[in-house]
Amino acid sequence: IKRRFVEGYLMQKLFEVYVMNDQELSMLENRELCESMLALLPLYDVVIVVDYGHGMLVKEAIDLLCDQSRFLVVNAQANAGNRGFNSVSKYSRADYICIANHEIRLDARDRDGDLRRIMLDMARKLDCERLVVTQGKQGCICYHRDDGFFEVPAFANQVVDRIGIGDAFLSISSLYAAQGAPIEMLGFVGNVVGAEAVATVCNSTPIERVSLSKHIVSLLK
């Protein structure tokens, strides 16, 4: 259970309380998970890993994801529940990585260094062709091995609640990445989705195809 305490007028999170068992899976549980994954992974064109660092994905499962996924998308989140121990570097490879600015800096142990250099280091280390780092109101910076870097501004005009914005960005941009879309397209559509998501409370309203398409068209006019 993750219970958030929110200030009602501005809808700002004050603090949150975690009630959970974040110990790693037992040997039996891990074996059952790996057996299930081994049967399922070959059936899918895209595997999206949203790793919150709460003990489910241990080394054997991660190695299986890296070895068996046709197209692997990875987001390893740094949050109050994992205290910085959860890092995308646990993965030996990825086809697309999407993480926040503070998460890639935490992984690199570099708070103030050049972000592009940090991204290049991570892309080489994980043999990753596509990498996007989200930066909140500063938009995002995208990297492709062949096309280099692109910066995309944020498009949000109304900020109601920031919870789940990174997950929304990841979900849509992963589909574009798997289809081989230009890297700047990942950042553009991802930031439009982020602008849609940040205008609602938590995940109360899903991203609709029609409204998203209209938003994209309005920005391109």
Protein backbone atom coordinates (compact mmCIF):
# COMPACT_ATOMS: atom_id res chain seq x y z
CA ILE A 1 0.00 0.00 0.00
CA LYS A 2 1.29 3.45 -0.94
CA ARG A 3 -0.82 6.03 0.83
CA ARG A 4 -0.34 9.63 -0.28
CA PHE A 5 -1.37 12.59 1.86
CA VAL A 6 -2.44 15.43 -0.42
CA GLU A 7 -3.19 19.08 0.31
CA GLY A 8 -6.71 19.48 -1.07
CA TYR A 9 -6.69 23.02 -2.45
CA LEU A 10 -3.61 22.86 -4.69
CA MET A 11 -3.61 19.03 -4.94
CA GLN A 12 0.02 18.88 -3.85
CA LYS A 13 1.47 15.75 -2.26
CA LEU A 14 2.67 16.48 1.27
CA PHE A 15 4.14 13.07 2.05
CA GLU A 16 3.43 9.37 1.59
CA VAL A 17 3.55 6.24 3.71
CA TYR A 18 4.60 2.85 2.33
CA VAL A 19 3.29 -0.37 3.86
CA MET A 20 4.89 -3.28 2.01
CA ASN A 21 7.28 -6.19 2.07
CA ASP A 22 10.15 -5.06 -0.12
CA GLN A 23 12.34 -8.10 0.46
CA GLU A 24 13.56 -9.96 -2.62
CA LEU A 25 11.54 -12.95 -3.78
CA SER A 26 12.33 -16.31 -2.26
CA MET A 27 14.11 -18.90 -4.40
CA LEU A 28 10.81 -20.67 -5.07
CA GLU A 29 8.96 -17.47 -5.97
CA ASN A 30 11.79 -16.33 -8.21
CA ARG A 31 11.87 -19.70 -10.00
CA GLU A 32 8.11 -19.53 -10.59
CA LEU A 33 8.41 -15.98 -11.93
CA CYS A 34 11.26 -16.92 -14.28
CA GLU A 35 9.41 -19.97 -15.57
CA SER A 36 6.36 -17.82 -16.34
CA MET A 37 8.49 -15.20 -18.06
CA LEU A 38 10.34 -17.81 -20.09
CA ALA A 39 7.02 -18.99 -21.51
CA LEU A 40 5.58 -15.51 -22.09
CA LEU A 41 8.47 -13.41 -23.41
CA PRO A 42 8.73 -15.08 -26.87
CA LEU A 43 5.06 -14.28 -27.49
CA TYR A 44 5.48 -10.49 -27.48
CA ASP A 45 7.12 -8.02 -29.83
CA VAL A 46 7.71 -5.42 -27.10
CA VAL A 47 8.50 -5.92 -23.41
CA ILE A 48 8.11 -2.85 -21.20
CA VAL A 49 9.79 -3.15 -17.80
CA VAL A 50 8.64 -0.66 -15.16
CA ASP A 51 10.97 -1.52 -12.28
CA TYR A 52 9.96 0.20 -9.03
CA GLY A 53 12.68 -1.51 -7.01
CA HIS A 54 10.43 -3.27 -4.50
CA GLY A 55 12.07 -6.69 -4.65
CA MET A 56 10.21 -8.51 -7.43
CA LEU A 57 12.85 -8.35 -10.16
CA VAL A 58 16.07 -9.96 -8.97
CA LYS A 59 19.15 -10.84 -11.02
CA GLU A 60 17.83 -14.05 -12.59
CA ALA A 61 14.63 -12.38 -13.77
CA ILE A 62 16.51 -9.34 -15.08
CA ASP A 63 18.96 -11.52 -17.00
CA LEU A 64 16.03 -13.38 -18.53
CA LEU A 65 14.41 -10.12 -19.63
CA CYS A 66 17.66 -8.97 -21.25
CA ASP A 67 18.27 -12.30 -23.00
CA GLN A 68 14.77 -13.16 -24.21
CA SER A 69 13.02 -9.87 -25.03
CA ARG A 70 12.79 -9.01 -28.72
CA PHE A 71 12.52 -5.29 -28.00
CA LEU A 72 13.25 -4.30 -24.40
CA VAL A 73 12.10 -1.04 -22.84
CA VAL A 74 13.39 -0.25 -19.35
CA ASN A 75 12.42 2.29 -16.71
CA ALA A 76 14.06 1.79 -13.31
CA GLN A 77 12.54 4.21 -10.86
CA ALA A 78 14.20 5.88 -7.90
CA ASN A 79 11.61 6.51 -5.20
CA ALA A 80 11.22 6.79 -1.44
CA GLY A 81 10.66 3.05 -1.19
CA ASN A 82 13.99 1.94 -2.68
CA ARG A 83 16.23 4.70 -1.29
CA GLY A 84 18.45 4.92 -4.34
CA PHE A 85 19.27 1.22 -4.54
CA ASN A 86 17.27 0.74 -7.75
CA SER A 87 19.29 1.55 -10.83
CA VAL A 88 18.85 0.99 -14.55
CA SER A 89 22.43 -0.29 -14.62
CA LYS A 90 21.11 -3.57 -13.19
CA TYR A 91 20.19 -4.34 -16.80
CA SER A 92 22.89 -5.46 -19.21
CA ARG A 93 21.09 -4.08 -22.26
CA ALA A 94 17.98 -2.26 -23.45
CA ASP A 95 16.59 -1.12 -26.79
CA TYR A 96 14.97 1.94 -25.24
CA ILE A 97 15.50 3.55 -21.84
CA CYS A 98 13.20 6.24 -20.47
CA ILE A 99 14.07 7.71 -17.06
CA ALA A 100 13.96 10.99 -15.19
CA ASN A 101 16.86 13.40 -14.85
CA HIS A 102 17.43 12.67 -11.16
CA GLU A 103 17.39 8.91 -11.84
CA ILE A 104 20.10 8.93 -14.48
CA ARG A 105 22.21 11.26 -12.35
CA LEU A 106 21.78 9.01 -9.34
CA ASP A 107 22.85 6.03 -11.45
CA ALA A 108 25.94 7.93 -12.63
CA ARG A 109 26.62 9.39 -9.17
CA ASP A 110 26.90 12.76 -10.90
CA ARG A 111 24.62 15.54 -9.66
CA ASP A 112 25.87 18.48 -11.69
CA GLY A 113 27.81 17.05 -14.66
CA ASP A 114 26.92 17.46 -18.33
CA LEU A 115 23.71 15.51 -18.96
CA ARG A 116 24.57 14.64 -22.55
CA ARG A 117 27.84 13.05 -21.50
CA ILE A 118 26.03 11.05 -18.81
CA MET A 119 23.48 9.88 -21.39
CA LEU A 120 26.22 8.84 -23.81
CA ASP A 121 27.97 6.87 -21.07
CA MET A 122 24.76 5.04 -20.19
CA ALA A 123 23.90 4.32 -23.83
CA ARG A 124 27.33 2.76 -24.37
CA LYS A 125 27.27 0.84 -21.11
CA LEU A 126 23.87 -0.73 -21.79
CA ASP A 127 24.29 -0.98 -25.57
CA CYS A 128 21.14 1.11 -25.86
CA GLU A 129 20.14 2.68 -29.18
CA ARG A 130 17.48 5.06 -27.80
CA LEU A 131 17.49 6.99 -24.55
CA VAL A 132 15.12 9.69 -23.27
CA VAL A 133 15.59 11.68 -20.07
CA THR A 134 12.56 13.59 -18.80
CA GLN A 135 13.18 16.91 -17.04
CA GLY A 136 9.80 18.08 -15.79
CA LYS A 137 8.95 21.63 -16.83
CA GLN A 138 12.16 21.75 -18.90
CA GLY A 139 10.81 19.08 -21.24
CA CYS A 140 13.02 16.16 -22.22
CA ILE A 141 16.25 15.38 -23.99
CA CYS A 142 16.38 12.48 -26.45
CA TYR A 143 19.32 10.51 -27.80
CA HIS A 144 19.60 8.11 -30.73
CA ARG A 145 22.82 6.30 -31.57
CA ASP A 146 22.69 7.39 -35.23
CA ASP A 147 20.83 10.71 -35.03
CA GLY A 148 22.34 12.27 -31.90
CA PHE A 149 20.52 14.52 -29.44
CA PHE A 150 17.21 16.37 -29.61
CA GLU A 151 15.64 18.60 -26.98
CA VAL A 152 11.85 18.87 -26.78
CA PRO A 153 10.11 21.52 -24.63
CA ALA A 154 7.28 20.78 -22.20
CA PHE A 155 3.78 21.60 -23.44
CA ALA A 156 1.79 21.72 -20.20
CA ASN A 157 -0.29 24.85 -19.67
CA GLN A 158 -2.23 23.60 -16.66
CA VAL A 159 -0.58 21.59 -13.89
CA VAL A 160 -3.06 19.86 -11.58
CA ASP A 161 -1.17 16.74 -10.47
CA ARG A 162 2.22 15.37 -11.49
CA ILE A 163 1.67 11.80 -10.25
CA GLY A 164 2.02 9.23 -13.03
CA ILE A 165 3.36 11.62 -15.66
CA GLY A 166 6.55 9.66 -16.25
CA ASP A 167 4.58 6.42 -16.60
CA ALA A 168 2.29 8.01 -19.19
CA PHE A 169 5.30 9.30 -21.15
CA LEU A 170 6.95 5.88 -21.01
CA SER A 171 3.84 3.98 -22.12
CA ILE A 172 3.25 5.92 -25.33
CA SER A 173 6.84 6.64 -26.30
CA SER A 174 7.70 2.93 -25.97
CA LEU A 175 5.26 2.08 -28.75
CA TYR A 176 6.85 4.70 -31.02
CA ALA A 177 10.32 3.41 -30.18
CA ALA A 178 9.36 -0.17 -31.01
CA GLN A 179 8.14 0.94 -34.44
CA GLY A 180 11.42 2.69 -35.18
CA ALA A 181 9.97 6.21 -35.13
CA PRO A 182 12.43 9.13 -35.20
CA ILE A 183 13.80 9.88 -31.75
CA GLU A 184 12.44 13.43 -31.77
CA MET A 185 8.97 11.95 -32.29
CA LEU A 186 9.30 9.99 -29.05
CA GLY A 187 10.05 13.17 -27.15
CA PHE A 188 7.36 15.21 -28.89
CA VAL A 189 4.47 12.78 -28.45
CA GLY A 190 5.67 11.82 -24.97
CA ASN A 191 5.58 15.45 -23.86
CA VAL A 192 2.10 15.92 -25.35
CA VAL A 193 0.93 12.89 -23.38
CA GLY A 194 2.60 14.36 -20.31
CA ALA A 195 0.73 17.62 -20.79
CA GLU A 196 -2.55 15.69 -21.04
CA ALA A 197 -1.78 13.62 -17.94
CA VAL A 198 -0.62 16.51 -15.75
CA ALA A 199 -3.96 18.28 -16.26
CA THR A 200 -5.91 15.60 -14.34
CA VAL A 201 -5.80 14.31 -10.76
CA CYS A 202 -3.60 11.23 -10.47
CA ASN A 203 -4.76 8.62 -13.01
CA SER A 204 -8.48 9.48 -12.82
CA THR A 205 -8.77 10.18 -16.56
CA PRO A 206 -7.11 7.99 -19.21
CA ILE A 207 -5.33 9.41 -22.22
CA GLU A 208 -7.85 9.33 -25.07
CA ARG A 209 -6.76 8.90 -28.68
CA VAL A 210 -9.05 11.62 -30.05
CA SER A 211 -8.03 14.32 -27.57
CA LEU A 212 -4.36 13.39 -27.96
CA SER A 213 -4.59 13.64 -31.75
CA LYS A 214 -6.29 17.04 -31.53
CA HIS A 215 -3.63 18.27 -29.11
CA ILE A 216 -0.85 17.18 -31.48
CA VAL A 217 -2.54 18.83 -34.47
CA SER A 218 -3.00 22.10 -32.57
CA LEU A 219 0.69 22.21 -31.66
CA LEU A 220 1.74 21.57 -35.26
CA LYS A 221 -0.41 24.36 -36.75
